[in-house]
Structure formats: structure tokens, C-alpha cells
Amino acid sequence: MATTRRQAAVRGLASNPATPDDLAIRLIQDPELAFDVIRARAQISERFADAVIELGADGARWLGSNESTPQSVLLRLSEHPSAEVRASVARGTADEQVLIRLAADPAPEVRKTLAARWHTPPPEALRAWLTDEDGDVRYTALHWSAVPPPSDLLGALLADPATSADALRYADLTPELITRFTESDDAEENLRLAIHPALPSGTVRSLAEIENEMFMVGLLLNQATLDDVRAALLAKVPALHPIREWTVGYYLSNLSLDLREVGWLREMPLAGRLEYLDSPYEFFRTVVAGSRDLPQWVIDRLMADESTLIRRVTAAHHDSVSGAALEELFLSHGESQAFGRLLTEHPCFPRDAFLRFAHSRDSSLRAVACSYPDLPAPLVAEIATDPVPSTRDAAARHPNVPFPTVRRLLSDEDLSVVTAAASSPALPKADMYAILDTWTTRTGEAGH
């Protein structure tokens, strides 16, 4: 059945963070709207939380993962009979009392969820997870832990297929371990061996002769790899099968951003790291770009790097970046969600750029202008007349959108714009009630 304008407006109300509690409680009675209502709440009251919990496990699960849920409610949910609800709490809570309770939860999915995000658990919790009967829990706990495992467990962790690869990080290499991990068919075990900082030079050269992407990636990033071996390995990459070449590039890009894999370079004194500033290897320059203690001249140099990745990493890690460089990077390569904040969210992104975007002939840039929270209301109203629906949608969601504009957009021919208008906090409370009351009158109750 086709969505009507009134249905679109009700869906917008469900995403409006300014809806009063009593209206929000009415909206969550519709299962199709409940998640949007809960997710949109900037503040969650005990009254609203009680109404959500009454909906059953689905509602409680959504509530458990909401950052705005009061800790008193999360404490209650940590004892909920549904493991899915308790796992949702494990994903979001920072309350130590709740964390300790969930660390010994009877459901393995809850213990696994918590182990994946609690990187510095108490020693007793880490030991319990590393000896857990569930292999996924053991793997997750060791893989994401920021602290070494107890030394008396290392032998068992090396012998455990679920934890052997990660356990090698903490082990002293022996001839037996080198042979075992060299001959292993497990890609993670191959990678862990090749990236081990104590890898003997003879083993480095022998692994470099084996056609194995994980050996190649690990050796390229390993401090123990000699320059001639690294250069020879990198020269082989273009000759690989396209899929294998993509795999090597993917792992190099991601592991160079992982402190655990390139900690040897990240932990060097600044003078040592700066020796890699002009490295021909992008993955080493990426590590330098992610350092927080760089002098301004180095940041400026990195923002002029030929690599788009290097410039994005630099912008993501440093606040003293040239506004002109940020704008050029955005206009040439667009946004990316992979680096945390967007370029247009950077504190140094030129404020006047948004004003230029607002007057651009490019409708997509006019939409980007609406990401600037201080865009003057008259400009927002002007952008709201754009012929492209997605741009009118962006204007409707702006915090400075004038109420007359919101009211007009509620009658827009494009239903996504109607939804956006109804989600605006600028919508008066009386209008919110009117939308839902009319819908309720026509359908008998909200959502049906």
C-alpha cells in the first residue's frame, strides 16, 4: 500500500527528538515506529523507559543500546530475562557496577559482547573470559584486550585454535612455533607470525619467498623486515591476481591504523617517527599521520601528501589543519565515514565555505551547507525551495529552519521531505499533536 502524506508525517514525528513524552509513548505503540522513537530521544525519562519496557524484549533491547538511557534503567535491564536485552546493555553502558555484573552473565553472547568493548577489564574478568567454555568468548576477549593475558594461561591459549593467533603476540618465538605457524593454513596465524617483532632475519627472508598474502602484509609492516626485503615484497604486489592485490592493500590500510600492529613505530620518539615522513611506503606515512604530537610543519606537509588516505588520516587526528586544505580535500574527494568525524565537521573547516555552498549552483553543495548549524535562517528557508528533494530534506532537518518553512514542507510533493519536516524540533508541539490526533482519528489508534 502506498504511503500517504499523513503516514510520512507520522514517521517524521517518530524521529523528532522534541516530541513530548506522552506523544512519544503513543507513537511507540506502533511496532514499526517504536525503534525510531527510542533512537531519537535526546533524553529518556523513567516514565518513557517504563512504557518501552512494557512493550517486551524488542523495546527493552532498543532501550538498552540507547546512549540516553539513564543508568538506573540500564541497571534494571542488566537483569532482564532476555539475553538479547542484556547484550544491548553490554554494548552501551559505562556503569562499572553493570559491567561487572554482565561480565559473568550466564549467556555467552552477553559475555562476548562485553569482551569486545571492555578492553581493560579487571584481571578476574579477563581470566574468566580467557578460560570460558565458549570459544567465541575466549577469542573475543584476547583479540580485543588492551592488556596481556596472565602468563600462566599463555600455553593453553597458544594451543587453543580460538586464541592461538592472538596469543602469539605475547609469546617468545621458538623454532617449534615458527614451524607450526609457517605451515598453518590459518590466515590469522600466518599474519601473526609474519608481523612478530622478534622474527629472526632468516625467517623473514624465507617467509618472503612464500606466496602468501598474510606473510606479505605482516612482513611489510614488521619492524624486523630489512629494507631490501620490504622493497622486493612491495614490487611483487602489482603482479598479484587482482583479488590478492586488493587483499594486501586492504590489510595494509587497516592494520597501519591499528596501534597494536604498528605500535613499534607509533611508540618511537618523535624524531624517530619523522624519519618515516618521506617514506615511499604509504602505510608508514599513515602511522606518522595518526600521531598526536606532531609539530605544525609536519601536519602541513602531510596535508599536502599525494595520498588521499594520508590527508584524510591527518585531518581526522589533528585540529590545527589548514581550512583551505580541508575544503580542497572535500571538494576533490568528498566525505568518508571511515575516519570518525566528517571533513565538514572539522573545527577548522572554513565557516565561509558553507555560505559559499549555500549559494552554489550545485544542489548537492547546497545540501552540504545545511550541515552547518549556524547557517542563517533566511538561507535555510531559501535552500528549502530547491528543486532537488534531498536538498529540501536537508533544509527541513536544519536547526534554524523557520517554522513557516516547516509547515510548507509538510505539504511537499516528496514524502521524504514531509518526513524530514515532521522530524524538525522547530515544529510546534500543537502541530505535533494535531498530526498524530488526525492520524489516530482516521485509523483508530496510532500505527494501525
Protein backbone atom coordinates (compact mmCIF):
# COMPACT_ATOMS: atom_id res chain seq x y z
CA MET A 1 0.00 0.00 0.00
CA ALA A 2 1.34 3.41 -0.98
CA THR A 3 2.49 5.68 1.83
CA THR A 4 0.29 8.73 2.31
CA ARG A 5 1.47 12.21 3.23
CA ARG A 6 -0.04 11.79 6.69
CA GLN A 7 1.80 8.48 7.18
CA ALA A 8 5.02 10.20 6.13
CA ALA A 9 4.40 12.95 8.69
CA VAL A 10 3.77 10.43 11.47
CA ARG A 11 7.03 8.67 10.58
CA GLY A 12 8.75 12.02 10.87
CA LEU A 13 7.25 12.56 14.31
CA ALA A 14 8.72 9.24 15.37
CA SER A 15 12.21 10.65 14.62
CA ASN A 16 11.59 14.03 16.21
CA PRO A 17 13.73 14.43 19.35
CA ALA A 18 11.43 17.17 20.68
CA THR A 19 8.22 15.16 20.93
CA PRO A 20 6.75 15.27 24.47
CA ASP A 21 6.79 12.06 26.49
CA ASP A 22 3.06 11.42 26.25
CA LEU A 23 3.13 11.77 22.46
CA ALA A 24 6.23 9.57 22.21
CA ILE A 25 4.55 6.93 24.34
CA ARG A 26 1.60 6.90 21.95
CA LEU A 27 3.93 6.54 18.97
CA ILE A 28 5.83 3.55 20.36
CA GLN A 29 2.64 1.53 20.44
CA ASP A 30 3.20 1.07 16.69
CA PRO A 31 5.94 -1.60 16.33
CA GLU A 32 7.05 -0.02 13.03
CA LEU A 33 7.71 3.32 14.74
CA ALA A 34 8.98 2.26 18.16
CA PHE A 35 12.67 1.93 17.27
CA ASP A 36 12.80 5.35 15.59
CA VAL A 37 11.12 6.97 18.59
CA ILE A 38 13.55 5.41 21.08
CA ARG A 39 16.61 6.18 18.95
CA ALA A 40 15.61 9.82 18.52
CA ARG A 41 15.14 10.64 22.20
CA ALA A 42 17.74 13.15 23.35
CA GLN A 43 16.68 12.44 26.93
CA ILE A 44 14.88 9.36 28.20
CA SER A 45 12.75 9.73 31.30
CA GLU A 46 11.87 6.95 33.72
CA ARG A 47 8.25 7.28 32.59
CA PHE A 48 9.14 6.78 28.94
CA ALA A 49 11.51 3.92 29.81
CA ASP A 50 8.78 2.14 31.74
CA ALA A 51 6.46 2.40 28.74
CA VAL A 52 9.14 0.98 26.44
CA ILE A 53 9.90 -1.93 28.78
CA GLU A 54 6.21 -2.81 28.80
CA LEU A 55 6.45 -3.43 25.04
CA GLY A 56 8.53 -6.53 25.68
CA ALA A 57 12.04 -7.66 24.77
CA ASP A 58 12.29 -5.71 21.49
CA GLY A 59 11.57 -2.41 23.16
CA ALA A 60 13.88 -3.17 26.07
CA ARG A 61 16.66 -4.16 23.66
CA TRP A 62 16.43 -0.85 21.80
CA LEU A 63 16.37 0.98 25.12
CA GLY A 64 19.45 -0.88 26.35
CA SER A 65 21.56 0.31 23.43
CA ASN A 66 20.45 3.96 23.60
CA GLU A 67 23.14 6.29 24.96
CA SER A 68 20.48 8.48 26.59
CA THR A 69 19.02 5.72 28.75
CA PRO A 70 19.50 6.54 32.47
CA GLN A 71 21.93 4.32 34.33
CA SER A 72 19.15 3.37 36.79
CA VAL A 73 17.21 1.88 33.87
CA LEU A 74 20.29 0.12 32.48
CA LEU A 75 20.83 -1.49 35.88
CA ARG A 76 17.31 -2.90 35.73
CA LEU A 77 17.80 -4.08 32.15
CA SER A 78 21.04 -5.85 33.08
CA GLU A 79 18.81 -8.33 34.94
CA HIS A 80 16.26 -8.69 32.13
CA PRO A 81 15.36 -12.33 31.32
CA SER A 82 16.23 -11.82 27.63
CA ALA A 83 19.90 -12.33 26.74
CA GLU A 84 19.45 -10.00 23.75
CA VAL A 85 18.39 -7.21 26.08
CA ARG A 86 21.33 -7.79 28.40
CA ALA A 87 23.67 -7.85 25.39
CA SER A 88 22.31 -4.49 24.25
CA VAL A 89 23.15 -3.09 27.69
CA ALA A 90 26.66 -4.56 27.40
CA ARG A 91 27.12 -2.64 24.16
CA GLY A 92 26.24 0.73 25.63
CA THR A 93 26.72 1.05 29.37
CA ALA A 94 29.73 2.61 31.09
CA ASP A 95 28.48 1.89 34.60
CA GLU A 96 31.09 -0.27 36.33
CA GLN A 97 28.52 -1.98 38.53
CA VAL A 98 26.58 -3.06 35.45
CA LEU A 99 29.75 -4.09 33.59
CA ILE A 100 30.92 -6.34 36.42
CA ARG A 101 27.51 -7.98 36.63
CA LEU A 102 27.39 -8.64 32.88
CA ALA A 103 30.98 -9.94 32.74
CA ALA A 104 29.77 -13.15 34.39
CA ASP A 105 26.42 -13.28 32.59
CA PRO A 106 25.16 -16.84 32.01
CA ALA A 107 24.63 -16.20 28.27
CA PRO A 108 27.80 -16.44 26.12
CA GLU A 109 26.52 -13.79 23.67
CA VAL A 110 26.41 -11.28 26.52
CA ARG A 111 29.93 -12.13 27.72
CA LYS A 112 31.20 -11.94 24.13
CA THR A 113 29.53 -8.58 23.51
CA LEU A 114 31.07 -7.11 26.63
CA ALA A 115 34.51 -8.60 25.94
CA ALA A 116 34.52 -6.89 22.54
CA ARG A 117 34.19 -3.40 24.03
CA TRP A 118 35.67 -3.61 27.54
CA HIS A 119 39.34 -3.53 26.58
CA THR A 120 40.72 -3.12 30.10
CA PRO A 121 38.58 -5.40 32.26
CA PRO A 122 39.51 -6.33 35.82
CA PRO A 123 42.04 -9.20 35.94
CA GLU A 124 39.46 -11.63 37.30
CA ALA A 125 37.06 -10.87 34.43
CA LEU A 126 39.76 -11.29 31.77
CA ARG A 127 40.90 -14.59 33.29
CA ALA A 128 37.32 -15.85 33.37
CA TRP A 129 36.78 -14.93 29.71
CA LEU A 130 40.08 -16.47 28.57
CA THR A 131 39.11 -19.76 30.22
CA ASP A 132 35.46 -19.54 29.15
CA GLU A 133 33.81 -22.69 27.84
CA ASP A 134 32.72 -20.76 24.72
CA GLY A 135 35.43 -20.36 22.06
CA ASP A 136 33.95 -17.12 20.70
CA VAL A 137 34.21 -15.56 24.15
CA ARG A 138 37.84 -16.67 24.51
CA TYR A 139 38.74 -15.33 21.07
CA THR A 140 36.97 -12.00 21.56
CA ALA A 141 38.46 -11.42 25.00
CA LEU A 142 42.04 -11.98 23.85
CA HIS A 143 41.66 -10.26 20.48
CA TRP A 144 40.31 -7.01 21.93
CA SER A 145 42.13 -6.92 25.24
CA ALA A 146 44.48 -3.98 25.72
CA VAL A 147 46.33 -5.83 28.48
CA PRO A 148 48.44 -9.01 28.16
CA PRO A 149 46.90 -12.30 29.27
CA PRO A 150 48.07 -13.92 32.52
CA SER A 151 51.39 -15.63 31.83
CA ASP A 152 50.20 -18.93 33.29
CA LEU A 153 47.47 -19.11 30.62
CA LEU A 154 49.71 -18.43 27.62
CA GLY A 155 50.49 -22.07 26.88
CA ALA A 156 46.82 -23.03 26.83
CA LEU A 157 45.96 -20.00 24.69
CA LEU A 158 48.62 -20.96 22.12
CA ALA A 159 47.22 -24.49 21.98
CA ASP A 160 43.63 -23.26 21.59
CA PRO A 161 42.57 -22.81 17.92
CA ALA A 162 40.27 -19.97 19.01
CA THR A 163 43.08 -17.92 20.56
CA SER A 164 46.34 -19.21 19.10
CA ALA A 165 46.87 -16.39 16.58
CA ASP A 166 46.37 -13.60 19.09
CA ALA A 167 48.33 -15.46 21.76
CA LEU A 168 51.41 -15.37 19.53
CA ARG A 169 51.60 -11.60 20.09
CA TYR A 170 52.69 -12.31 23.66
CA ALA A 171 54.83 -15.41 23.11
CA ASP A 172 58.57 -15.78 22.75
CA LEU A 173 59.21 -17.28 19.33
CA THR A 174 60.64 -20.78 19.40
CA PRO A 175 61.66 -22.92 16.38
CA GLU A 176 58.61 -25.08 17.07
CA LEU A 177 56.21 -22.12 16.99
CA ILE A 178 57.83 -20.74 13.83
CA THR A 179 57.43 -24.08 12.07
CA ARG A 180 53.87 -24.54 13.26
CA PHE A 181 52.68 -21.08 12.24
CA THR A 182 54.56 -21.18 8.93
CA GLU A 183 52.85 -24.41 7.96
CA SER A 184 49.44 -23.35 9.27
CA ASP A 185 46.50 -22.97 6.90
CA ASP A 186 45.03 -20.27 9.16
CA ALA A 187 45.45 -16.77 7.68
CA GLU A 188 45.45 -15.08 11.08
CA GLU A 189 48.19 -17.39 12.36
CA ASN A 190 50.24 -16.61 9.23
CA LEU A 191 49.79 -12.87 9.77
CA ARG A 192 50.65 -13.01 13.47
CA LEU A 193 53.88 -14.88 12.71
CA ALA A 194 54.98 -12.54 9.93
CA ILE A 195 54.34 -9.41 11.98
CA HIS A 196 56.01 -10.69 15.16
CA PRO A 197 58.70 -8.17 16.16
CA ALA A 198 61.19 -10.85 17.20
CA LEU A 199 61.09 -12.71 13.87
CA PRO A 200 64.65 -13.87 13.02
CA SER A 201 66.14 -12.38 9.84
CA GLY A 202 66.48 -15.83 8.28
CA THR A 203 62.78 -16.50 8.84
CA VAL A 204 61.93 -13.08 7.40
CA ARG A 205 63.70 -13.98 4.16
CA SER A 206 62.22 -17.48 3.96
CA LEU A 207 58.66 -16.21 4.54
CA ALA A 208 59.20 -13.55 1.87
CA GLU A 209 59.72 -16.32 -0.69
CA ILE A 210 56.37 -17.97 0.06
CA GLU A 211 53.36 -16.83 -2.00
CA ASN A 212 51.04 -15.91 0.85
CA GLU A 213 49.23 -12.57 1.22
CA MET A 214 49.29 -12.65 5.02
CA PHE A 215 53.02 -13.28 5.12
CA MET A 216 53.45 -10.37 2.70
CA VAL A 217 51.30 -7.97 4.76
CA GLY A 218 52.91 -8.94 8.05
CA LEU A 219 56.45 -8.60 6.73
CA LEU A 220 55.73 -5.24 5.11
CA LEU A 221 54.60 -3.84 8.47
CA ASN A 222 57.20 -5.62 10.61
CA GLN A 223 60.00 -3.59 12.12
CA ALA A 224 62.27 -6.62 11.77
CA THR A 225 61.97 -6.68 7.96
CA LEU A 226 65.05 -5.34 6.22
CA ASP A 227 64.59 -2.59 3.64
CA ASP A 228 65.68 -4.74 0.68
CA VAL A 229 63.15 -7.45 1.60
CA ARG A 230 60.38 -4.87 2.06
CA ALA A 231 61.12 -3.27 -1.30
CA ALA A 232 61.17 -6.65 -3.05
CA LEU A 233 57.84 -7.62 -1.49
CA LEU A 234 56.17 -4.38 -2.47
CA ALA A 235 57.44 -4.77 -6.03
CA LYS A 236 55.54 -8.08 -6.21
CA VAL A 237 52.16 -6.57 -5.35
CA PRO A 238 51.20 -5.24 -8.83
CA ALA A 239 51.82 -8.69 -10.31
CA LEU A 240 49.38 -10.40 -7.96
CA HIS A 241 45.94 -11.57 -9.03
CA PRO A 242 43.55 -8.58 -8.63
CA ILE A 243 41.77 -10.18 -5.69
CA ARG A 244 45.04 -10.95 -3.90
CA GLU A 245 46.33 -7.45 -4.65
CA TRP A 246 43.13 -5.97 -3.16
CA THR A 247 43.55 -8.17 -0.07
CA VAL A 248 47.09 -6.93 0.53
CA GLY A 249 46.06 -3.29 0.08
CA TYR A 250 43.04 -3.72 2.34
CA TYR A 251 45.05 -5.23 5.20
CA LEU A 252 47.87 -2.72 4.87
CA SER A 253 45.46 0.23 5.02
CA ASN A 254 43.58 -1.11 8.03
CA LEU A 255 46.48 -2.51 10.03
CA SER A 256 48.51 0.67 9.61
CA LEU A 257 45.78 2.42 11.63
CA ASP A 258 45.85 -0.24 14.36
CA LEU A 259 48.08 0.74 17.27
CA ARG A 260 48.64 -2.88 18.21
CA GLU A 261 50.09 -3.80 14.81
CA VAL A 262 52.39 -0.81 14.29
CA GLY A 263 52.98 0.08 17.92
CA TRP A 264 56.73 -0.12 17.41
CA LEU A 265 56.57 2.90 15.10
CA ARG A 266 53.86 4.80 16.99
CA GLU A 267 55.84 4.41 20.23
CA MET A 268 59.09 5.74 18.78
CA PRO A 269 60.27 9.15 19.95
CA LEU A 270 59.08 11.88 17.61
CA ALA A 271 62.48 12.23 15.93
CA GLY A 272 62.43 8.54 15.00
CA ARG A 273 58.93 8.70 13.59
CA LEU A 274 59.77 11.74 11.50
CA GLU A 275 62.36 9.66 9.66
CA TYR A 276 59.35 7.92 8.07
CA LEU A 277 57.71 11.19 7.00
CA ASP A 278 59.02 10.81 3.45
CA SER A 279 58.85 7.03 3.38
CA PRO A 280 57.90 5.60 -0.02
CA TYR A 281 55.53 3.30 1.86
CA GLU A 282 52.10 4.81 2.39
CA PHE A 283 51.38 2.57 5.36
CA PHE A 284 54.30 4.03 7.32
CA ARG A 285 53.30 7.60 6.49
CA THR A 286 49.80 6.67 7.70
CA VAL A 287 51.23 5.78 11.11
CA VAL A 288 53.05 9.11 11.28
CA ALA A 289 49.88 10.98 10.25
CA GLY A 290 47.99 9.37 13.12
CA SER A 291 50.48 10.57 15.74
CA ARG A 292 49.03 13.16 18.11
CA ASP A 293 52.25 15.01 18.93
CA LEU A 294 53.27 16.29 15.51
CA PRO A 295 54.61 19.84 15.08
CA GLN A 296 52.62 22.12 12.80
CA TRP A 297 55.08 21.97 9.90
CA VAL A 298 54.70 18.19 9.77
CA ILE A 299 50.89 18.42 9.79
CA ASP A 300 51.07 20.92 6.93
CA ARG A 301 53.40 18.62 5.00
CA LEU A 302 51.10 15.63 5.47
CA MET A 303 48.06 17.64 4.34
CA ALA A 304 49.95 18.17 1.06
CA ASP A 305 50.75 14.45 0.68
CA GLU A 306 49.91 12.91 -2.69
CA SER A 307 47.90 10.21 -0.94
CA THR A 308 44.25 10.96 -0.22
CA LEU A 309 44.39 8.42 2.62
CA ILE A 310 47.27 10.26 4.30
CA ARG A 311 45.42 13.57 4.08
CA ARG A 312 42.23 12.06 5.49
CA VAL A 313 44.08 10.43 8.39
CA THR A 314 45.89 13.69 9.15
CA ALA A 315 42.62 15.65 9.13
CA ALA A 316 40.99 13.07 11.40
CA HIS A 317 43.75 13.20 14.02
CA HIS A 318 44.66 16.88 14.13
CA ASP A 319 42.66 20.02 14.84
CA SER A 320 45.24 22.53 13.55
CA VAL A 321 44.72 21.71 9.88
CA SER A 322 44.53 24.30 7.12
CA GLY A 323 40.93 25.18 6.31
CA ALA A 324 41.81 25.60 2.65
CA ALA A 325 43.34 22.10 2.59
CA LEU A 326 40.22 20.64 4.18
CA GLU A 327 37.93 22.35 1.69
CA GLU A 328 40.08 21.21 -1.25
CA LEU A 329 40.09 17.63 0.05
CA PHE A 330 36.31 17.70 0.45
CA LEU A 331 35.60 19.21 -2.97
CA SER A 332 38.01 16.83 -4.73
CA HIS A 333 37.21 13.58 -2.93
CA GLY A 334 34.01 14.03 -0.91
CA GLU A 335 33.30 12.71 2.55
CA SER A 336 34.16 9.36 4.10
CA GLN A 337 32.63 7.78 7.20
CA ALA A 338 35.73 5.62 7.74
CA PHE A 339 37.72 8.20 9.71
CA GLY A 340 35.35 9.24 12.51
CA ARG A 341 34.33 12.84 12.01
CA LEU A 342 33.47 14.17 8.57
CA LEU A 343 35.63 16.80 6.91
CA THR A 344 32.80 19.33 7.16
CA GLU A 345 32.62 18.62 10.91
CA HIS A 346 36.29 19.53 11.42
CA PRO A 347 36.72 22.61 13.64
CA CYS A 348 38.99 24.17 11.00
CA PHE A 349 36.65 23.65 8.06
CA PRO A 350 36.04 27.20 6.79
CA ARG A 351 32.75 28.61 8.06
CA ASP A 352 32.52 30.86 5.00
CA ALA A 353 32.71 27.77 2.78
CA PHE A 354 29.23 26.81 3.97
CA LEU A 355 27.96 30.23 2.95
CA ARG A 356 29.51 29.75 -0.49
CA PHE A 357 27.97 26.30 -0.72
CA ALA A 358 24.56 27.77 0.16
CA HIS A 359 24.75 29.97 -2.95
CA SER A 360 26.25 27.30 -5.20
CA ARG A 361 24.58 26.18 -8.42
CA ASP A 362 25.31 22.62 -7.29
CA SER A 363 22.29 21.35 -5.37
CA SER A 364 24.38 18.77 -3.51
CA LEU A 365 26.61 21.54 -2.14
CA ARG A 366 23.55 23.49 -1.03
CA ALA A 367 22.54 20.38 0.90
CA VAL A 368 26.02 20.23 2.48
CA ALA A 369 25.59 23.87 3.55
CA CYS A 370 22.78 22.66 5.78
CA SER A 371 25.27 20.66 7.86
CA TYR A 372 26.50 23.99 9.25
CA PRO A 373 24.42 24.52 12.41
CA ASP A 374 24.82 28.32 12.35
CA LEU A 375 23.56 28.77 8.80
CA PRO A 376 21.24 31.80 8.93
CA ALA A 377 17.53 31.04 8.90
CA PRO A 378 16.84 33.03 5.67
CA LEU A 379 19.41 30.91 3.81
CA VAL A 380 17.87 27.71 5.20
CA ALA A 381 14.45 28.87 4.01
CA GLU A 382 15.88 29.62 0.57
CA ILE A 383 17.54 26.21 0.29
CA ALA A 384 14.21 24.64 1.28
CA THR A 385 12.84 25.75 -2.11
CA ASP A 386 15.47 23.78 -4.03
CA PRO A 387 14.12 21.66 -6.90
CA VAL A 388 16.00 18.58 -5.65
CA PRO A 389 14.08 16.72 -2.89
CA SER A 390 17.20 15.58 -0.99
CA THR A 391 18.30 19.20 -0.66
CA ARG A 392 14.89 20.28 0.64
CA ASP A 393 15.14 17.33 3.02
CA ALA A 394 18.47 18.65 4.35
CA ALA A 395 16.98 22.12 4.86
CA ALA A 396 13.99 20.67 6.70
CA ARG A 397 16.32 19.00 9.20
CA HIS A 398 18.35 22.15 9.92
CA PRO A 399 18.04 23.50 13.49
CA ASN A 400 17.44 27.05 12.17
CA VAL A 401 14.67 26.15 9.75
CA PRO A 402 11.85 28.70 10.23
CA PHE A 403 8.51 27.34 11.34
CA PRO A 404 6.63 28.69 8.27
CA THR A 405 9.08 26.73 6.12
CA VAL A 406 8.49 23.58 8.14
CA ARG A 407 4.73 23.97 7.75
CA ARG A 408 5.09 24.43 3.98
CA LEU A 409 7.35 21.38 3.66
CA LEU A 410 4.74 19.26 5.47
CA SER A 411 2.76 19.58 2.22
CA ASP A 412 5.73 18.85 -0.06
CA GLU A 413 5.13 16.63 -3.06
CA ASP A 414 8.04 14.41 -1.99
CA LEU A 415 7.13 12.26 1.01
CA SER A 416 10.71 12.01 2.28
CA VAL A 417 10.67 15.80 2.64
CA VAL A 418 7.39 15.58 4.54
CA THR A 419 9.01 13.09 6.91
CA ALA A 420 12.02 15.36 7.37
CA ALA A 421 9.78 18.36 8.12
CA ALA A 422 7.81 16.43 10.74
CA SER A 423 11.08 15.38 12.39
CA SER A 424 12.12 19.02 12.93
CA PRO A 425 12.28 20.24 16.54
CA ALA A 426 11.05 23.57 15.13
CA LEU A 427 7.61 22.03 14.72
CA PRO A 428 5.36 23.46 17.44
CA LYS A 429 4.00 20.97 19.96
CA ALA A 430 0.43 21.81 18.92
CA ASP A 431 1.22 20.75 15.35
CA MET A 432 2.77 17.52 16.58
CA TYR A 433 -0.40 16.63 18.46
CA ALA A 434 -2.54 17.64 15.50
CA ILE A 435 -0.66 15.31 13.14
CA LEU A 436 -0.97 12.34 15.47
CA ASP A 437 -4.54 13.11 16.53
CA THR A 438 -5.69 13.27 12.91
CA TRP A 439 -3.90 10.03 12.17
CA THR A 440 -5.45 8.38 15.23
CA THR A 441 -8.90 9.58 14.28
CA ARG A 442 -8.59 8.09 10.82
CA THR A 443 -7.05 4.77 11.85
CA GLY A 444 -8.47 4.11 15.29
CA GLU A 445 -5.06 4.20 17.01
CA ALA A 446 -1.56 5.30 16.04
CA GLY A 447 0.14 2.91 13.69
CA HIS A 448 -2.89 0.80 12.80
